[in-house]
Amino acid sequence: MNNFPGKIGLVTGAGSGIGRATAIELARQGATVTVTDIDEATAAETTEMIRKDGGDALAVTVDIADEDSVRAAVEHTVTAYGGLDFAVNNAGMASHRQQLDQMTLDQFERVVRVNLAGTFLCMKYELPALRRRGGGAIVNIASNGGLYAIPTAPAYVAAKHGIV
């Protein structure tokens, strides 16, 4: 099946796990994929896997907690491929496995900055690119952790609930 022929997508956190599996499957379905990750080497590995399977992919290093980095990743996709039709915002980080009263404000803010603000930043720059192509779709990956309390992951729960 080729459900995405001619479509251009961007997947964050595509260097491993769910992001990698998503990018590979979208490419198998005919999409051209920008593989983004904070880890340049793992993004390149995913890109190589897609290319070996006959797909078209581009690796871009991005820190979704950094606005300039996100803007550059979306612009790189649009410049390289002529636009953006969809995005999967999957990148995130785990919490510090601490009770709330043991967590520092810096630790809390870092998890929220990456997981929640990072998703916001991705959408902020993806939406205009999608509109220029006449529309598209964005899938934001949350977690069951955004639906219930996890005593040792308060920042993660807060951020993922914000995405939900």
N, C-alpha and C. Protein backbone atom coordinates (compact mmCIF):
# COMPACT_ATOMS: atom_id res chain seq x y z
N MET A 1 0.83 -1.19 0.00
CA MET A 1 0.00 0.00 0.00
C MET A 1 0.87 1.25 0.00
N ASN A 2 0.44 2.24 -0.71
CA ASN A 2 1.10 3.54 -0.73
C ASN A 2 0.06 4.60 -0.39
N ASN A 3 -0.10 4.87 0.89
CA ASN A 3 -1.09 5.83 1.33
C ASN A 3 -0.60 7.27 1.32
N PHE A 4 0.72 7.46 1.17
CA PHE A 4 1.28 8.81 1.24
C PHE A 4 2.17 9.17 0.06
N PRO A 5 1.87 8.70 -1.14
CA PRO A 5 2.75 9.05 -2.26
C PRO A 5 2.75 10.56 -2.50
N GLY A 6 3.94 11.10 -2.69
CA GLY A 6 4.06 12.53 -2.96
C GLY A 6 3.90 13.42 -1.75
N LYS A 7 3.66 12.86 -0.58
CA LYS A 7 3.48 13.66 0.63
C LYS A 7 4.82 13.85 1.33
N ILE A 8 4.96 15.00 1.97
CA ILE A 8 6.20 15.37 2.65
C ILE A 8 5.90 15.51 4.14
N GLY A 9 6.65 14.76 4.95
CA GLY A 9 6.41 14.79 6.39
C GLY A 9 7.66 15.04 7.19
N LEU A 10 7.46 15.42 8.43
CA LEU A 10 8.53 15.64 9.38
C LEU A 10 8.17 14.87 10.64
N VAL A 11 9.11 14.10 11.16
CA VAL A 11 8.90 13.33 12.38
C VAL A 11 9.98 13.71 13.38
N THR A 12 9.55 14.20 14.57
CA THR A 12 10.52 14.53 15.61
C THR A 12 10.78 13.30 16.47
N GLY A 13 11.97 13.26 17.05
CA GLY A 13 12.33 12.12 17.88
C GLY A 13 12.42 10.84 17.07
N ALA A 14 12.80 10.97 15.80
CA ALA A 14 12.80 9.83 14.88
C ALA A 14 14.10 9.05 14.88
N GLY A 15 14.98 9.35 15.82
CA GLY A 15 16.23 8.62 15.90
C GLY A 15 16.11 7.27 16.56
N SER A 16 14.99 7.02 17.23
CA SER A 16 14.81 5.74 17.92
C SER A 16 13.33 5.55 18.26
N GLY A 17 13.02 4.36 18.75
CA GLY A 17 11.71 4.07 19.31
C GLY A 17 10.53 4.33 18.40
N ILE A 18 9.48 4.91 18.99
CA ILE A 18 8.25 5.19 18.26
C ILE A 18 8.50 6.12 17.08
N GLY A 19 9.33 7.14 17.25
CA GLY A 19 9.63 8.06 16.17
C GLY A 19 10.29 7.38 15.00
N ARG A 20 11.25 6.51 15.28
CA ARG A 20 11.94 5.78 14.21
C ARG A 20 10.95 4.88 13.47
N ALA A 21 10.17 4.11 14.22
CA ALA A 21 9.20 3.21 13.60
C ALA A 21 8.19 3.98 12.75
N THR A 22 7.78 5.14 13.24
CA THR A 22 6.83 5.98 12.50
C THR A 22 7.44 6.48 11.20
N ALA A 23 8.64 7.02 11.28
CA ALA A 23 9.31 7.55 10.08
C ALA A 23 9.51 6.46 9.04
N ILE A 24 9.94 5.28 9.47
CA ILE A 24 10.17 4.17 8.54
C ILE A 24 8.86 3.75 7.88
N GLU A 25 7.81 3.63 8.66
CA GLU A 25 6.52 3.19 8.09
C GLU A 25 5.95 4.24 7.15
N LEU A 26 6.04 5.50 7.50
CA LEU A 26 5.54 6.55 6.60
C LEU A 26 6.30 6.53 5.28
N ALA A 27 7.61 6.32 5.33
CA ALA A 27 8.39 6.22 4.10
C ALA A 27 7.98 4.99 3.29
N ARG A 28 7.71 3.88 3.96
CA ARG A 28 7.23 2.68 3.25
C ARG A 28 5.89 2.92 2.57
N GLN A 29 5.13 3.85 3.14
CA GLN A 29 3.82 4.19 2.59
C GLN A 29 3.93 5.27 1.50
N GLY A 30 5.16 5.61 1.10
CA GLY A 30 5.37 6.52 -0.01
C GLY A 30 5.72 7.94 0.34
N ALA A 31 5.75 8.29 1.61
CA ALA A 31 6.05 9.66 2.01
C ALA A 31 7.56 9.94 1.94
N THR A 32 7.88 11.18 1.69
CA THR A 32 9.23 11.69 1.85
C THR A 32 9.29 12.21 3.28
N VAL A 33 10.32 11.82 4.03
CA VAL A 33 10.32 12.11 5.46
C VAL A 33 11.58 12.86 5.89
N THR A 34 11.38 13.94 6.64
CA THR A 34 12.48 14.57 7.34
C THR A 34 12.54 13.92 8.71
N VAL A 35 13.66 13.27 8.99
CA VAL A 35 13.90 12.55 10.23
C VAL A 35 14.64 13.51 11.16
N THR A 36 13.99 13.92 12.24
CA THR A 36 14.65 14.85 13.16
C THR A 36 14.87 14.19 14.51
N ASP A 37 15.96 14.58 15.13
CA ASP A 37 16.29 14.09 16.46
C ASP A 37 17.37 15.00 17.04
N ILE A 38 17.46 15.05 18.35
CA ILE A 38 18.51 15.82 19.00
C ILE A 38 19.86 15.13 18.81
N ASP A 39 19.83 13.83 18.56
CA ASP A 39 21.03 13.02 18.36
C ASP A 39 21.27 12.85 16.86
N GLU A 40 22.25 13.56 16.36
CA GLU A 40 22.55 13.55 14.92
C GLU A 40 22.81 12.14 14.39
N ALA A 41 23.54 11.33 15.14
CA ALA A 41 23.90 9.98 14.68
C ALA A 41 22.68 9.08 14.53
N THR A 42 21.75 9.14 15.50
CA THR A 42 20.59 8.26 15.39
C THR A 42 19.63 8.73 14.29
N ALA A 43 19.55 10.04 14.08
CA ALA A 43 18.74 10.54 12.96
C ALA A 43 19.32 10.04 11.64
N ALA A 44 20.64 10.07 11.53
CA ALA A 44 21.30 9.57 10.31
C ALA A 44 21.06 8.08 10.13
N GLU A 45 21.07 7.31 11.22
CA GLU A 45 20.81 5.87 11.13
C GLU A 45 19.41 5.60 10.59
N THR A 46 18.42 6.31 11.13
CA THR A 46 17.05 6.13 10.66
C THR A 46 16.94 6.50 9.19
N THR A 47 17.57 7.59 8.81
CA THR A 47 17.54 8.03 7.41
C THR A 47 18.15 6.97 6.51
N GLU A 48 19.25 6.40 6.93
CA GLU A 48 19.91 5.35 6.14
C GLU A 48 19.02 4.12 6.02
N MET A 49 18.32 3.76 7.09
CA MET A 49 17.40 2.63 7.05
C MET A 49 16.30 2.86 6.02
N ILE A 50 15.78 4.07 5.99
CA ILE A 50 14.72 4.42 5.04
C ILE A 50 15.26 4.35 3.61
N ARG A 51 16.42 4.90 3.39
CA ARG A 51 17.01 4.90 2.04
C ARG A 51 17.32 3.49 1.56
N LYS A 52 17.82 2.63 2.46
CA LYS A 52 18.11 1.24 2.08
C LYS A 52 16.85 0.50 1.68
N ASP A 53 15.72 0.94 2.21
CA ASP A 53 14.43 0.34 1.89
C ASP A 53 13.78 1.01 0.67
N GLY A 54 14.51 1.92 0.02
CA GLY A 54 14.01 2.57 -1.19
C GLY A 54 13.27 3.86 -0.97
N GLY A 55 13.24 4.35 0.27
CA GLY A 55 12.53 5.59 0.57
C GLY A 55 13.41 6.81 0.45
N ASP A 56 12.78 7.96 0.57
CA ASP A 56 13.47 9.25 0.50
C ASP A 56 13.39 9.91 1.87
N ALA A 57 14.54 10.21 2.44
CA ALA A 57 14.57 10.82 3.78
C ALA A 57 15.76 11.74 3.92
N LEU A 58 15.62 12.67 4.83
CA LEU A 58 16.64 13.66 5.15
C LEU A 58 16.78 13.71 6.66
N ALA A 59 18.00 13.67 7.16
CA ALA A 59 18.25 13.76 8.60
C ALA A 59 18.53 15.21 8.98
N VAL A 60 17.87 15.68 10.03
CA VAL A 60 18.07 17.03 10.53
C VAL A 60 18.16 16.96 12.05
N THR A 61 19.21 17.54 12.59
CA THR A 61 19.36 17.60 14.04
C THR A 61 18.53 18.76 14.56
N VAL A 62 17.74 18.49 15.60
CA VAL A 62 16.89 19.54 16.18
C VAL A 62 16.75 19.32 17.68
N ASP A 63 16.74 20.43 18.40
CA ASP A 63 16.40 20.43 19.82
C ASP A 63 15.04 21.11 19.91
N ILE A 64 13.99 20.34 20.14
CA ILE A 64 12.65 20.92 20.10
C ILE A 64 12.39 21.94 21.21
N ALA A 65 13.26 22.01 22.19
CA ALA A 65 13.13 23.01 23.25
C ALA A 65 13.72 24.36 22.83
N ASP A 66 14.34 24.40 21.66
CA ASP A 66 14.99 25.61 21.17
C ASP A 66 14.25 26.12 19.93
N GLU A 67 13.67 27.30 20.03
CA GLU A 67 12.84 27.83 18.95
C GLU A 67 13.59 27.96 17.63
N ASP A 68 14.80 28.47 17.66
CA ASP A 68 15.57 28.63 16.42
C ASP A 68 15.84 27.29 15.77
N SER A 69 16.10 26.28 16.56
CA SER A 69 16.36 24.94 16.05
C SER A 69 15.13 24.36 15.36
N VAL A 70 13.98 24.54 15.98
CA VAL A 70 12.72 24.04 15.39
C VAL A 70 12.42 24.78 14.09
N ARG A 71 12.53 26.10 14.12
CA ARG A 71 12.28 26.90 12.92
C ARG A 71 13.18 26.44 11.77
N ALA A 72 14.46 26.23 12.07
CA ALA A 72 15.42 25.81 11.05
C ALA A 72 15.07 24.43 10.49
N ALA A 73 14.63 23.52 11.34
CA ALA A 73 14.28 22.17 10.87
C ALA A 73 13.10 22.20 9.90
N VAL A 74 12.09 22.99 10.23
CA VAL A 74 10.92 23.10 9.34
C VAL A 74 11.33 23.80 8.04
N GLU A 75 12.11 24.88 8.15
CA GLU A 75 12.57 25.58 6.95
C GLU A 75 13.43 24.67 6.08
N HIS A 76 14.27 23.86 6.69
CA HIS A 76 15.11 22.92 5.94
C HIS A 76 14.24 21.95 5.14
N THR A 77 13.19 21.45 5.76
CA THR A 77 12.27 20.54 5.08
C THR A 77 11.61 21.22 3.89
N VAL A 78 11.09 22.42 4.12
CA VAL A 78 10.40 23.16 3.05
C VAL A 78 11.36 23.48 1.92
N THR A 79 12.58 23.88 2.24
CA THR A 79 13.57 24.19 1.21
C THR A 79 13.97 22.95 0.43
N ALA A 80 14.21 21.85 1.14
CA ALA A 80 14.68 20.63 0.49
C ALA A 80 13.60 19.97 -0.36
N TYR A 81 12.36 19.98 0.11
CA TYR A 81 11.30 19.20 -0.54
C TYR A 81 10.16 20.02 -1.12
N GLY A 82 10.14 21.32 -0.87
CA GLY A 82 9.12 22.17 -1.46
C GLY A 82 7.88 22.38 -0.62
N GLY A 83 7.88 21.86 0.59
CA GLY A 83 6.71 22.07 1.45
C GLY A 83 6.65 21.07 2.57
N LEU A 84 5.49 21.06 3.23
CA LEU A 84 5.24 20.13 4.33
C LEU A 84 3.76 19.78 4.29
N ASP A 85 3.45 18.48 4.31
CA ASP A 85 2.07 18.00 4.28
C ASP A 85 1.60 17.46 5.62
N PHE A 86 2.53 16.96 6.44
CA PHE A 86 2.16 16.44 7.74
C PHE A 86 3.36 16.42 8.67
N ALA A 87 3.07 16.32 9.97
CA ALA A 87 4.13 16.22 10.97
C ALA A 87 3.68 15.29 12.08
N VAL A 88 4.64 14.59 12.63
CA VAL A 88 4.41 13.76 13.81
C VAL A 88 5.37 14.28 14.88
N ASN A 89 4.80 14.93 15.90
CA ASN A 89 5.60 15.50 16.98
C ASN A 89 5.69 14.47 18.09
N ASN A 90 6.78 13.74 18.05
CA ASN A 90 6.99 12.61 18.94
C ASN A 90 8.09 12.84 19.96
N ALA A 91 9.02 13.73 19.70
CA ALA A 91 10.18 13.92 20.57
C ALA A 91 9.75 14.31 21.98
N GLY A 92 10.50 13.84 22.94
CA GLY A 92 10.24 14.17 24.33
C GLY A 92 11.31 13.57 25.21
N MET A 93 11.15 13.79 26.50
CA MET A 93 12.10 13.24 27.45
C MET A 93 11.35 12.70 28.66
N ALA A 94 11.96 11.74 29.32
CA ALA A 94 11.38 11.18 30.54
C ALA A 94 11.58 12.15 31.70
N SER A 95 10.85 11.91 32.75
CA SER A 95 10.99 12.73 33.95
C SER A 95 12.19 12.26 34.76
N HIS A 96 12.43 12.92 35.84
CA HIS A 96 13.60 12.64 36.66
C HIS A 96 13.38 11.56 37.72
N ARG A 97 12.23 10.92 37.72
CA ARG A 97 11.90 9.85 38.67
C ARG A 97 12.10 10.31 40.12
N GLN A 98 11.46 11.43 40.41
CA GLN A 98 11.53 11.99 41.76
C GLN A 98 10.14 12.43 42.20
N GLN A 99 9.92 12.38 43.48
CA GLN A 99 8.70 12.94 44.04
C GLN A 99 8.73 14.45 43.83
N LEU A 100 7.58 15.05 43.75
CA LEU A 100 7.47 16.48 43.50
C LEU A 100 8.28 17.30 44.51
N ASP A 101 8.23 16.95 45.77
CA ASP A 101 8.92 17.74 46.79
C ASP A 101 10.43 17.53 46.79
N GLN A 102 10.93 16.64 45.94
CA GLN A 102 12.37 16.41 45.81
C GLN A 102 12.93 16.96 44.50
N MET A 103 12.06 17.41 43.64
CA MET A 103 12.46 17.89 42.32
C MET A 103 12.79 19.38 42.39
N THR A 104 13.84 19.79 41.69
CA THR A 104 14.16 21.21 41.61
C THR A 104 13.29 21.87 40.55
N LEU A 105 13.15 23.16 40.64
CA LEU A 105 12.39 23.90 39.64
C LEU A 105 13.05 23.75 38.27
N ASP A 106 14.37 23.77 38.22
CA ASP A 106 15.07 23.60 36.94
C ASP A 106 14.75 22.25 36.30
N GLN A 107 14.71 21.19 37.11
CA GLN A 107 14.38 19.87 36.58
C GLN A 107 12.95 19.85 36.04
N PHE A 108 12.02 20.39 36.81
CA PHE A 108 10.63 20.46 36.39
C PHE A 108 10.49 21.24 35.09
N GLU A 109 11.09 22.42 35.05
CA GLU A 109 10.98 23.28 33.88
C GLU A 109 11.61 22.65 32.64
N ARG A 110 12.69 21.91 32.78
CA ARG A 110 13.34 21.27 31.62
C ARG A 110 12.41 20.24 30.98
N VAL A 111 11.78 19.41 31.79
CA VAL A 111 10.86 18.40 31.25
C VAL A 111 9.67 19.07 30.56
N VAL A 112 9.11 20.08 31.19
CA VAL A 112 7.97 20.78 30.61
C VAL A 112 8.40 21.54 29.35
N ARG A 113 9.60 22.11 29.38
CA ARG A 113 10.10 22.85 28.21
C ARG A 113 10.24 21.92 27.01
N VAL A 114 10.81 20.76 27.21
CA VAL A 114 10.99 19.83 26.09
C VAL A 114 9.64 19.25 25.66
N ASN A 115 8.91 18.66 26.58
CA ASN A 115 7.72 17.91 26.21
C ASN A 115 6.52 18.76 25.81
N LEU A 116 6.26 19.82 26.52
CA LEU A 116 5.08 20.64 26.21
C LEU A 116 5.43 21.84 25.34
N ALA A 117 6.38 22.65 25.77
CA ALA A 117 6.75 23.81 24.97
C ALA A 117 7.36 23.38 23.64
N GLY A 118 8.09 22.26 23.64
CA GLY A 118 8.66 21.74 22.39
C GLY A 118 7.58 21.38 21.38
N THR A 119 6.51 20.77 21.86
CA THR A 119 5.38 20.44 20.98
C THR A 119 4.74 21.71 20.45
N PHE A 120 4.58 22.70 21.32
CA PHE A 120 4.05 24.00 20.89
C PHE A 120 4.93 24.62 19.80
N LEU A 121 6.25 24.64 20.03
CA LEU A 121 7.16 25.23 19.05
C LEU A 121 7.09 24.51 17.70
N CYS A 122 7.02 23.20 17.76
CA CYS A 122 6.90 22.45 16.49
C CYS A 122 5.65 22.88 15.74
N MET A 123 4.51 22.90 16.42
CA MET A 123 3.27 23.29 15.75
C MET A 123 3.32 24.73 15.26
N LYS A 124 3.95 25.60 16.02
CA LYS A 124 4.05 27.02 15.65
C LYS A 124 4.68 27.18 14.26
N TYR A 125 5.68 26.36 13.95
CA TYR A 125 6.36 26.49 12.65
C TYR A 125 5.83 25.51 11.61
N GLU A 126 5.23 24.42 12.03
CA GLU A 126 4.66 23.47 11.07
C GLU A 126 3.37 24.01 10.46
N LEU A 127 2.52 24.63 11.27
CA LEU A 127 1.22 25.09 10.78
C LEU A 127 1.31 26.02 9.57
N PRO A 128 2.15 27.06 9.59
CA PRO A 128 2.24 27.91 8.40
C PRO A 128 2.70 27.14 7.16
N ALA A 129 3.62 26.21 7.35
CA ALA A 129 4.10 25.41 6.21
C ALA A 129 2.97 24.54 5.66
N LEU A 130 2.17 23.97 6.53
CA LEU A 130 1.03 23.16 6.09
C LEU A 130 0.01 24.03 5.36
N ARG A 131 -0.26 25.20 5.89
CA ARG A 131 -1.24 26.09 5.24
C ARG A 131 -0.81 26.47 3.83
N ARG A 132 0.49 26.70 3.66
CA ARG A 132 0.98 27.07 2.32
C ARG A 132 0.74 25.96 1.31
N ARG A 133 0.60 24.72 1.75
CA ARG A 133 0.33 23.59 0.85
C ARG A 133 -1.16 23.27 0.80
N GLY A 134 -1.99 24.10 1.44
CA GLY A 134 -3.43 23.89 1.39
C GLY A 134 -3.98 23.05 2.53
N GLY A 135 -3.18 22.79 3.54
CA GLY A 135 -3.65 22.01 4.70
C GLY A 135 -2.77 20.80 4.92
N GLY A 136 -3.14 20.02 5.87
CA GLY A 136 -2.38 18.83 6.20
C GLY A 136 -2.78 18.31 7.56
N ALA A 137 -1.88 17.58 8.20
CA ALA A 137 -2.20 16.98 9.49
C ALA A 137 -0.99 17.02 10.40
N ILE A 138 -1.27 17.18 11.70
CA ILE A 138 -0.24 17.10 12.73
C ILE A 138 -0.72 16.09 13.76
N VAL A 139 0.14 15.16 14.10
CA VAL A 139 -0.13 14.20 15.17
C VAL A 139 0.86 14.49 16.29
N ASN A 140 0.34 14.81 17.47
CA ASN A 140 1.17 15.04 18.64
C ASN A 140 1.11 13.82 19.54
N ILE A 141 2.25 13.23 19.82
CA ILE A 141 2.30 12.03 20.64
C ILE A 141 2.31 12.44 22.11
N ALA A 142 1.34 11.96 22.84
CA ALA A 142 1.26 12.20 24.28
C ALA A 142 1.63 10.90 24.99
N SER A 143 0.88 10.54 26.00
CA SER A 143 1.19 9.34 26.78
C SER A 143 0.03 9.05 27.72
N ASN A 144 -0.12 7.79 28.07
CA ASN A 144 -1.06 7.47 29.14
C ASN A 144 -0.68 8.22 30.40
N GLY A 145 0.60 8.55 30.53
CA GLY A 145 1.07 9.32 31.68
C GLY A 145 0.45 10.70 31.77
N GLY A 146 -0.17 11.16 30.71
CA GLY A 146 -0.87 12.44 30.74
C GLY A 146 -2.30 12.30 31.23
N LEU A 147 -2.71 11.06 31.55
CA LEU A 147 -4.09 10.81 31.95
C LEU A 147 -4.26 10.49 33.42
N TYR A 148 -3.16 10.20 34.10
CA TYR A 148 -3.25 9.86 35.52
C TYR A 148 -1.95 10.26 36.22
N ALA A 149 -2.03 10.35 37.52
CA ALA A 149 -0.87 10.77 38.30
C ALA A 149 0.17 9.66 38.39
N ILE A 150 1.43 10.05 38.24
CA ILE A 150 2.56 9.17 38.48
C ILE A 150 3.39 9.89 39.54
N PRO A 151 3.40 9.39 40.75
CA PRO A 151 4.05 10.12 41.85
C PRO A 151 5.52 10.47 41.60
N THR A 152 6.23 9.67 40.82
CA THR A 152 7.65 9.95 40.59
C THR A 152 7.90 10.64 39.25
N ALA A 153 6.86 11.18 38.63
CA ALA A 153 7.04 11.87 37.34
C ALA A 153 6.10 13.07 37.21
N PRO A 154 6.09 13.97 38.17
CA PRO A 154 5.12 15.07 38.11
C PRO A 154 5.29 15.99 36.90
N ALA A 155 6.50 16.28 36.50
CA ALA A 155 6.71 17.17 35.34
C ALA A 155 6.26 16.48 34.06
N TYR A 156 6.56 15.20 33.93
CA TYR A 156 6.17 14.43 32.76
C TYR A 156 4.65 14.38 32.65
N VAL A 157 3.98 14.10 33.76
CA VAL A 157 2.52 14.04 33.78
C VAL A 157 1.93 15.40 33.37
N ALA A 158 2.47 16.47 33.93
CA ALA A 158 1.95 17.81 33.61
C ALA A 158 2.12 18.12 32.13
N ALA A 159 3.30 17.83 31.59
CA ALA A 159 3.55 18.14 30.19
C ALA A 159 2.70 17.29 29.25
N LYS A 160 2.63 15.99 29.51
CA LYS A 160 1.86 15.11 28.64
C LYS A 160 0.37 15.39 28.75
N HIS A 161 -0.09 15.77 29.94
CA HIS A 161 -1.50 16.17 30.07
C HIS A 161 -1.76 17.43 29.24
N GLY A 162 -0.82 18.33 29.23
CA GLY A 162 -0.96 19.52 28.38
C GLY A 162 -1.10 19.17 26.92
N ILE A 163 -0.40 18.16 26.46
CA ILE A 163 -0.51 17.72 25.06
C ILE A 163 -1.87 17.08 24.81
N VAL A 164 -2.31 16.25 25.77
CA VAL A 164 -3.63 15.61 25.64
C VAL A 164 -4.69 16.68 25.51
